[in-house]
Amino acid sequence: MDTPHEVSPGPDARMEPGPDARPQPGPAARPEWPPPAPPRRGAAPVLIAAAGSAVAALVALVICVALVVASLDTPASAAGKPSSSVPHPGHPRPAAEVVLDDHPVYDLAGPRTAACAEPDLDPDSANSWEGFNSEIGACLDDVWFPTLVDLGVRPASPTLVVLDDNDVDGEDETAMTLAYYDDWDQTINVVMPSVTEMSETVPGADDEGVWVALLAHEYGHHVQAQVGILDRSYIEEEKAENEAASLEMLRRTELQAECFGGAALRALDMFSQRDADAINEAFNGGDDLDTHGTEENRKYWFLQGWNGSTVEDCNTYGADARLVR
C-alpha cells in the first residue's frame, strides 16, 4: 500500500496509555438517555469529527446470509433502509447468558490469514464502492469465519449498501456520518456524500487502507453480534445506573470492534507495519469522543488487534477503565 501523506508512526502496541491521559468531550452527539430498550436500535452512524481527522466508528452489526451490494439506483438504496428477508442464525447461547468479560470466544485464535489483494477504490464513485465492498466483504468473511466455526456459530455475511444521502437520525452538526449499520435491516450502509467529502479533506483518506479499516471495524461489530456480545452490551447499557456508565459500556463495545478491525487488517495480509501505523493515524487520530474513546485509546486497541494472536487480546470488557476512556 502506498501512503500518499507523511504521518507520524502510531504508538507501540504493547505500550498502554499513560495514567495522566484525560478524555475530553467529543463532538459527536451523545446517545439518547435513557437508552432505548435492547436489543435493536435502528441506525448507528460512523462519524468523523469535524474538528479533527479521526474516523470514529459507531456501528452495531448483526447478521444476514448473503453479501449483497446495492447500487444507488436501486429501490433499497433510495429508501435508505433496505429490508432483510432472512432470519438471524441462532447464537450459541442467549444474550442473557453471555458474560462480556469472560466469553468463550476469548479462548480462540484470532482471525486467520487470507490471501487477499488490496482492491483499488475511487471514494467519489458509487460503482467503485460496490466492487470494493464486495471484495473486502468476502475477504473479511474468509478471515473471521474459521473463528466463528470454532465457537460453534454458523457464519453469515453482512449486507453492504451504498447510499446517496447522508440524512441520518441524530446526526450532530459538528460531525458527519460516513457509514452506519441498521440492525433491523442488517445492512452496512456507506454514505457517499460523507466519504467523498472526507476523501477530499482528511490526510490519508485517499488511501484504500483507511477504507478497508472502516469496513473491518464494522465487521468487528458483526463478529460481536454473531457470538452474542453485541446484544448483551445493549442490555448492560440499558441497565446502567447513569449516562456515564452507559457511555463506558458503549466505548468498551466500540473499542473492541476497533481491536477486531486491527486484527482483521493484519489477517488480510495486505499491509505492512508501516502501513498499519499510517492507517491508524488517519483512522483514529483526532479528537477524543465520549462514545468511542480517547484518540490514545482508539490507537491502542487498533494495535492490540494488529499485534495480537488471540481474541483475548481484544477483551475490552475486562480491561482497566483508563484503557476505555
Protein backbone atom coordinates (compact mmCIF):
# COMPACT_ATOMS: atom_id res chain seq x y z
CA MET A 1 0.00 0.00 0.00
CA ASP A 2 1.41 3.38 -0.96
CA THR A 3 0.91 6.07 1.68
CA PRO A 4 0.47 9.41 -0.09
CA HIS A 5 0.84 11.58 3.02
CA GLU A 6 3.53 11.61 5.69
CA VAL A 7 2.10 10.59 9.04
CA SER A 8 3.66 10.03 12.42
CA PRO A 9 4.13 6.39 13.39
CA GLY A 10 1.50 5.10 15.79
CA PRO A 11 2.32 4.13 19.37
CA ASP A 12 3.85 0.77 20.16
CA ALA A 13 1.08 -1.77 20.57
CA ARG A 14 2.43 -3.09 23.86
CA MET A 15 2.59 0.35 25.50
CA GLU A 16 -0.57 1.19 27.40
CA PRO A 17 -1.85 4.77 27.52
CA GLY A 18 -0.41 6.66 30.46
CA PRO A 19 -2.37 7.22 33.66
CA ASP A 20 -2.44 11.01 33.10
CA ALA A 21 -4.48 10.76 29.90
CA ARG A 22 -7.82 12.54 30.31
CA PRO A 23 -10.80 12.30 28.00
CA GLN A 24 -12.31 15.42 26.52
CA PRO A 25 -15.91 15.81 25.41
CA GLY A 26 -16.13 14.64 21.80
CA PRO A 27 -18.03 16.47 19.09
CA ALA A 28 -20.32 13.57 18.25
CA ALA A 29 -23.86 13.61 19.58
CA ARG A 30 -24.39 11.68 22.81
CA PRO A 31 -26.80 8.76 22.68
CA GLU A 32 -30.34 9.19 23.93
CA TRP A 33 -30.72 8.89 27.70
CA PRO A 34 -32.14 6.71 28.96
CA PRO A 35 -31.06 4.46 26.10
CA PRO A 36 -33.67 2.63 24.02
CA ALA A 37 -34.61 -0.86 25.02
CA PRO A 38 -32.34 -3.64 23.72
CA PRO A 39 -31.62 -5.42 21.51
CA ARG A 40 -32.49 -3.34 18.43
CA ARG A 41 -31.56 0.29 17.90
CA GLY A 42 -32.05 1.30 14.29
CA ALA A 43 -29.29 3.17 12.50
CA ALA A 44 -25.97 3.75 14.24
CA PRO A 45 -23.65 6.19 12.43
CA VAL A 46 -19.96 6.05 11.66
CA LEU A 47 -18.74 9.56 12.44
CA ILE A 48 -15.80 11.73 11.53
CA ALA A 49 -15.14 14.58 13.95
CA ALA A 50 -15.24 17.91 12.16
CA ALA A 51 -12.51 19.34 14.40
CA GLY A 52 -10.03 16.52 13.81
CA SER A 53 -9.03 13.78 11.42
CA ALA A 54 -10.46 10.88 13.41
CA VAL A 55 -12.80 8.35 11.89
CA ALA A 56 -14.78 7.22 14.93
CA ALA A 57 -16.88 4.19 14.13
CA LEU A 58 -20.23 3.87 15.92
CA VAL A 59 -21.61 0.74 14.36
CA ALA A 60 -23.80 -2.18 15.51
CA LEU A 61 -23.56 -5.15 13.21
CA VAL A 62 -25.78 -8.20 13.20
CA ILE A 63 -26.04 -10.96 10.67
CA CYS A 64 -27.57 -11.98 7.40
CA VAL A 65 -26.98 -14.79 4.99
CA ALA A 66 -25.73 -13.24 1.76
CA LEU A 67 -23.36 -10.41 0.86
CA VAL A 68 -25.42 -8.04 -1.27
CA VAL A 69 -24.19 -4.75 -2.68
CA ALA A 70 -26.99 -2.37 -3.69
CA SER A 71 -26.34 0.36 -6.24
CA LEU A 72 -27.58 3.93 -5.84
CA ASP A 73 -30.40 3.49 -8.33
CA THR A 74 -32.00 0.50 -6.61
CA PRO A 75 -35.17 0.94 -4.54
CA ALA A 76 -33.30 -0.28 -1.46
CA SER A 77 -30.70 2.43 -1.76
CA ALA A 78 -33.25 5.13 -2.50
CA ALA A 79 -35.22 4.18 0.60
CA GLY A 80 -32.08 4.26 2.73
CA LYS A 81 -33.13 1.25 4.80
CA PRO A 82 -33.20 -1.93 2.74
CA SER A 83 -35.24 -4.59 4.46
CA SER A 84 -33.97 -8.05 5.26
CA SER A 85 -35.76 -11.19 4.10
CA VAL A 86 -33.66 -13.66 6.11
CA PRO A 87 -33.82 -14.63 9.78
CA HIS A 88 -30.98 -14.32 12.26
CA PRO A 89 -28.99 -17.53 12.70
CA GLY A 90 -29.05 -18.68 16.31
CA HIS A 91 -26.41 -17.51 18.76
CA PRO A 92 -24.51 -20.23 20.66
CA ARG A 93 -26.32 -19.02 23.80
CA PRO A 94 -28.96 -16.39 24.69
CA ALA A 95 -27.65 -12.88 25.30
CA ALA A 96 -28.82 -13.07 28.91
CA GLU A 97 -26.30 -15.88 29.49
CA VAL A 98 -23.33 -14.10 27.88
CA VAL A 99 -20.61 -12.80 30.19
CA LEU A 100 -18.92 -9.95 28.37
CA ASP A 101 -15.50 -10.18 30.02
CA ASP A 102 -15.39 -14.00 30.13
CA HIS A 103 -16.79 -15.17 26.82
CA PRO A 104 -15.54 -18.49 25.35
CA VAL A 105 -14.60 -16.67 22.14
CA TYR A 106 -11.61 -15.23 24.03
CA ASP A 107 -10.11 -18.73 24.21
CA LEU A 108 -9.84 -18.90 20.43
CA ALA A 109 -7.20 -17.81 17.96
CA GLY A 110 -7.76 -14.52 16.19
CA PRO A 111 -8.80 -14.19 12.56
CA ARG A 112 -6.96 -16.45 10.11
CA THR A 113 -4.69 -15.14 7.41
CA ALA A 114 -6.30 -14.96 3.99
CA ALA A 115 -4.57 -14.17 0.71
CA CYS A 116 -6.47 -11.09 -0.46
CA ALA A 117 -5.28 -8.43 -2.87
CA GLU A 118 -5.97 -4.81 -1.98
CA PRO A 119 -8.61 -3.56 -4.43
CA ASP A 120 -8.49 -0.08 -5.93
CA LEU A 121 -11.09 2.42 -4.78
CA ASP A 122 -12.25 5.78 -6.04
CA PRO A 123 -14.12 7.15 -2.98
CA ASP A 124 -16.09 9.51 -5.24
CA SER A 125 -17.58 6.66 -7.29
CA ALA A 126 -20.55 4.55 -6.20
CA ASN A 127 -19.64 1.89 -8.75
CA SER A 128 -16.13 1.72 -7.34
CA TRP A 129 -17.52 1.34 -3.81
CA GLU A 130 -19.74 -1.53 -4.91
CA GLY A 131 -16.77 -3.52 -6.17
CA PHE A 132 -14.64 -2.56 -3.16
CA ASN A 133 -17.34 -3.61 -0.68
CA SER A 134 -17.83 -6.92 -2.44
CA GLU A 135 -14.13 -7.81 -2.45
CA ILE A 136 -13.33 -6.66 1.09
CA GLY A 137 -16.56 -8.16 2.47
CA ALA A 138 -15.66 -11.57 1.05
CA CYS A 139 -12.11 -11.30 2.42
CA LEU A 140 -13.38 -10.42 5.91
CA ASP A 141 -15.61 -13.49 5.74
CA ASP A 142 -12.53 -15.56 4.94
CA VAL A 143 -10.53 -14.31 7.92
CA TRP A 144 -13.31 -14.44 10.54
CA PHE A 145 -15.43 -17.44 9.57
CA PRO A 146 -12.96 -20.07 10.91
CA THR A 147 -13.02 -18.46 14.38
CA LEU A 148 -16.81 -18.40 14.39
CA VAL A 149 -16.98 -22.03 13.27
CA ASP A 150 -14.57 -22.99 16.07
CA LEU A 151 -17.02 -21.46 18.53
CA GLY A 152 -19.94 -23.40 17.07
CA VAL A 153 -21.53 -20.45 15.29
CA ARG A 154 -23.00 -20.82 11.81
CA PRO A 155 -21.22 -17.96 9.95
CA ALA A 156 -23.19 -15.48 7.91
CA SER A 157 -22.22 -12.39 5.92
CA PRO A 158 -23.47 -8.83 6.36
CA THR A 159 -25.19 -6.90 3.61
CA LEU A 160 -23.29 -3.91 2.17
CA VAL A 161 -25.16 -0.97 0.62
CA VAL A 162 -24.05 2.31 -0.97
CA LEU A 163 -26.32 5.28 -0.20
CA ASP A 164 -26.57 8.61 -1.98
CA ASP A 165 -27.76 10.68 1.01
CA ASN A 166 -26.48 11.44 4.50
CA ASP A 167 -29.76 12.08 6.30
CA VAL A 168 -29.12 10.06 9.47
CA ASP A 169 -31.26 10.47 12.57
CA GLY A 170 -29.45 12.06 15.50
CA GLU A 171 -26.51 13.37 13.49
CA ASP A 172 -24.71 16.25 15.20
CA GLU A 173 -23.87 19.35 13.17
CA THR A 174 -20.21 19.06 14.22
CA ALA A 175 -19.85 15.56 12.79
CA MET A 176 -20.75 13.75 9.61
CA THR A 177 -21.84 10.20 9.07
CA LEU A 178 -19.50 8.11 6.93
CA ALA A 179 -21.36 4.84 7.28
CA TYR A 180 -23.83 3.19 9.58
CA TYR A 181 -25.35 -0.16 10.31
CA ASP A 182 -29.08 -0.59 10.71
CA ASP A 183 -29.55 -3.66 12.84
CA TRP A 184 -33.21 -4.04 11.88
CA ASP A 185 -32.35 -4.26 8.19
CA GLN A 186 -28.97 -5.95 8.85
CA THR A 187 -27.17 -3.61 6.44
CA ILE A 188 -23.82 -1.83 6.43
CA ASN A 189 -24.51 1.47 4.70
CA VAL A 190 -21.74 3.59 3.15
CA VAL A 191 -22.87 7.22 2.82
CA MET A 192 -21.45 8.60 -0.43
CA PRO A 193 -21.63 12.37 0.26
CA SER A 194 -19.70 11.96 3.50
CA VAL A 195 -17.00 9.63 2.23
CA THR A 196 -16.49 11.89 -0.77
CA GLU A 197 -16.03 14.90 1.50
CA MET A 198 -13.70 13.04 3.80
CA SER A 199 -11.55 11.85 0.91
CA GLU A 200 -11.01 15.48 -0.11
CA THR A 201 -10.24 16.96 3.30
CA VAL A 202 -8.67 14.36 5.60
CA PRO A 203 -4.97 13.43 5.25
CA GLY A 204 -4.57 9.83 4.12
CA ALA A 205 -8.26 9.38 3.29
CA ASP A 206 -7.49 8.82 -0.39
CA ASP A 207 -5.61 5.68 0.61
CA GLU A 208 -7.58 2.45 0.26
CA GLY A 209 -6.25 1.19 3.59
CA VAL A 210 -8.31 3.74 5.51
CA TRP A 211 -11.49 2.46 3.88
CA VAL A 212 -10.51 -1.16 4.48
CA ALA A 213 -10.15 -0.19 8.16
CA LEU A 214 -13.64 1.33 8.11
CA LEU A 215 -15.20 -1.90 6.82
CA ALA A 216 -13.03 -4.02 9.14
CA HIS A 217 -14.32 -2.10 12.17
CA GLU A 218 -17.89 -2.62 11.04
CA TYR A 219 -17.20 -6.30 10.56
CA GLY A 220 -15.87 -6.34 14.13
CA HIS A 221 -19.38 -5.45 15.29
CA HIS A 222 -20.64 -8.24 13.05
CA VAL A 223 -18.46 -10.69 14.97
CA GLN A 224 -19.74 -9.30 18.27
CA ALA A 225 -23.30 -9.82 17.10
CA GLN A 226 -22.78 -13.38 15.95
CA VAL A 227 -21.36 -14.51 19.29
CA GLY A 228 -23.98 -12.70 21.40
CA ILE A 229 -21.70 -9.95 22.73
CA LEU A 230 -23.50 -7.11 20.98
CA ASP A 231 -26.95 -7.98 22.31
CA ARG A 232 -25.53 -8.38 25.81
CA SER A 233 -23.81 -5.00 25.60
CA TYR A 234 -27.18 -3.41 24.76
CA ILE A 235 -28.66 -4.99 27.88
CA GLU A 236 -25.81 -3.66 30.02
CA GLU A 237 -26.20 -0.16 28.59
CA GLU A 238 -29.90 -0.26 29.40
CA LYS A 239 -29.18 -1.42 32.97
CA ALA A 240 -26.54 1.27 33.60
CA GLU A 241 -27.34 3.48 36.58
CA ASN A 242 -26.39 6.70 34.82
CA GLU A 243 -25.28 8.13 31.50
CA ALA A 244 -21.57 7.93 32.36
CA ALA A 245 -21.81 4.18 32.99
CA SER A 246 -23.82 3.67 29.81
CA LEU A 247 -21.22 5.57 27.78
CA GLU A 248 -18.40 3.49 29.26
CA MET A 249 -20.16 0.30 28.17
CA LEU A 250 -20.63 1.76 24.69
CA ARG A 251 -16.92 2.66 24.50
CA ARG A 252 -15.93 -0.88 25.50
CA THR A 253 -18.07 -2.18 22.64
CA GLU A 254 -16.67 0.30 20.13
CA LEU A 255 -13.05 -0.19 21.16
CA GLN A 256 -13.41 -3.96 20.89
CA ALA A 257 -14.69 -3.52 17.35
CA GLU A 258 -11.66 -1.33 16.64
CA CYS A 259 -9.39 -4.05 18.05
CA PHE A 260 -11.14 -6.65 15.89
CA GLY A 261 -10.63 -4.31 12.95
CA GLY A 262 -6.89 -4.14 13.58
CA ALA A 263 -6.72 -7.92 13.88
CA ALA A 264 -8.58 -8.34 10.59
CA LEU A 265 -6.28 -5.90 8.77
CA ARG A 266 -3.28 -7.96 9.84
CA ALA A 267 -5.00 -11.18 8.75
CA LEU A 268 -5.85 -9.76 5.33
CA ASP A 269 -2.10 -9.81 4.63
CA MET A 270 -2.28 -6.64 2.52
CA PHE A 271 -0.40 -4.22 4.75
CA SER A 272 2.99 -3.75 6.41
CA GLN A 273 3.60 -2.43 9.93
CA ARG A 274 4.34 0.97 8.44
CA ASP A 275 1.02 0.81 6.58
CA ALA A 276 -0.79 -0.09 9.79
CA ASP A 277 0.71 2.89 11.63
CA ALA A 278 -0.34 5.23 8.82
CA ILE A 279 -3.86 3.78 8.70
CA ASN A 280 -4.18 4.03 12.48
CA GLU A 281 -3.14 7.67 12.44
CA ALA A 282 -5.55 8.59 9.64
CA PHE A 283 -8.41 6.50 11.03
CA ASN A 284 -8.04 7.17 14.77
CA GLY A 285 -6.10 10.41 15.05
CA GLY A 286 -8.06 13.47 16.17
CA ASP A 287 -10.50 14.41 18.90
CA ASP A 288 -11.45 12.37 21.94
CA LEU A 289 -15.03 11.10 21.72
CA ASP A 290 -17.39 10.25 24.57
CA THR A 291 -18.87 7.39 22.54
CA HIS A 292 -15.63 5.94 21.11
CA GLY A 293 -12.85 6.79 23.50
CA THR A 294 -9.79 9.00 23.50
CA GLU A 295 -7.53 9.20 20.49
CA GLU A 296 -4.86 7.42 22.53
CA ASN A 297 -7.13 4.52 23.42
CA ARG A 298 -8.54 4.14 19.93
CA LYS A 299 -4.98 3.83 18.56
CA TYR A 300 -4.01 1.49 21.39
CA TRP A 301 -6.81 -1.00 20.72
CA PHE A 302 -6.27 -0.94 16.96
CA LEU A 303 -2.66 -2.00 17.55
CA GLN A 304 -3.68 -4.51 20.19
CA GLY A 305 -5.61 -6.27 17.46
CA TRP A 306 -2.89 -5.83 14.85
CA ASN A 307 -0.21 -7.35 17.10
CA GLY A 308 -2.38 -9.86 18.96
CA SER A 309 -2.72 -13.59 18.36
CA THR A 310 -5.95 -14.48 20.19
CA VAL A 311 -9.36 -12.92 20.59
CA GLU A 312 -8.48 -12.39 24.27
CA ASP A 313 -6.17 -9.58 23.16
CA CYS A 314 -9.36 -7.65 22.31
CA ASN A 315 -11.16 -8.23 25.62
CA THR A 316 -12.05 -4.59 26.25
CA TYR A 317 -14.78 -5.60 28.69
CA GLY A 318 -12.16 -6.93 31.09
CA ALA A 319 -9.78 -4.00 30.59
CA ASP A 320 -8.93 -1.33 33.16
CA ALA A 321 -11.22 1.69 32.99
CA ARG A 322 -8.38 4.00 31.91
CA LEU A 323 -7.99 1.97 28.70
CA VAL A 324 -11.62 2.52 27.72
CA ARG A 325 -11.96 6.24 28.47
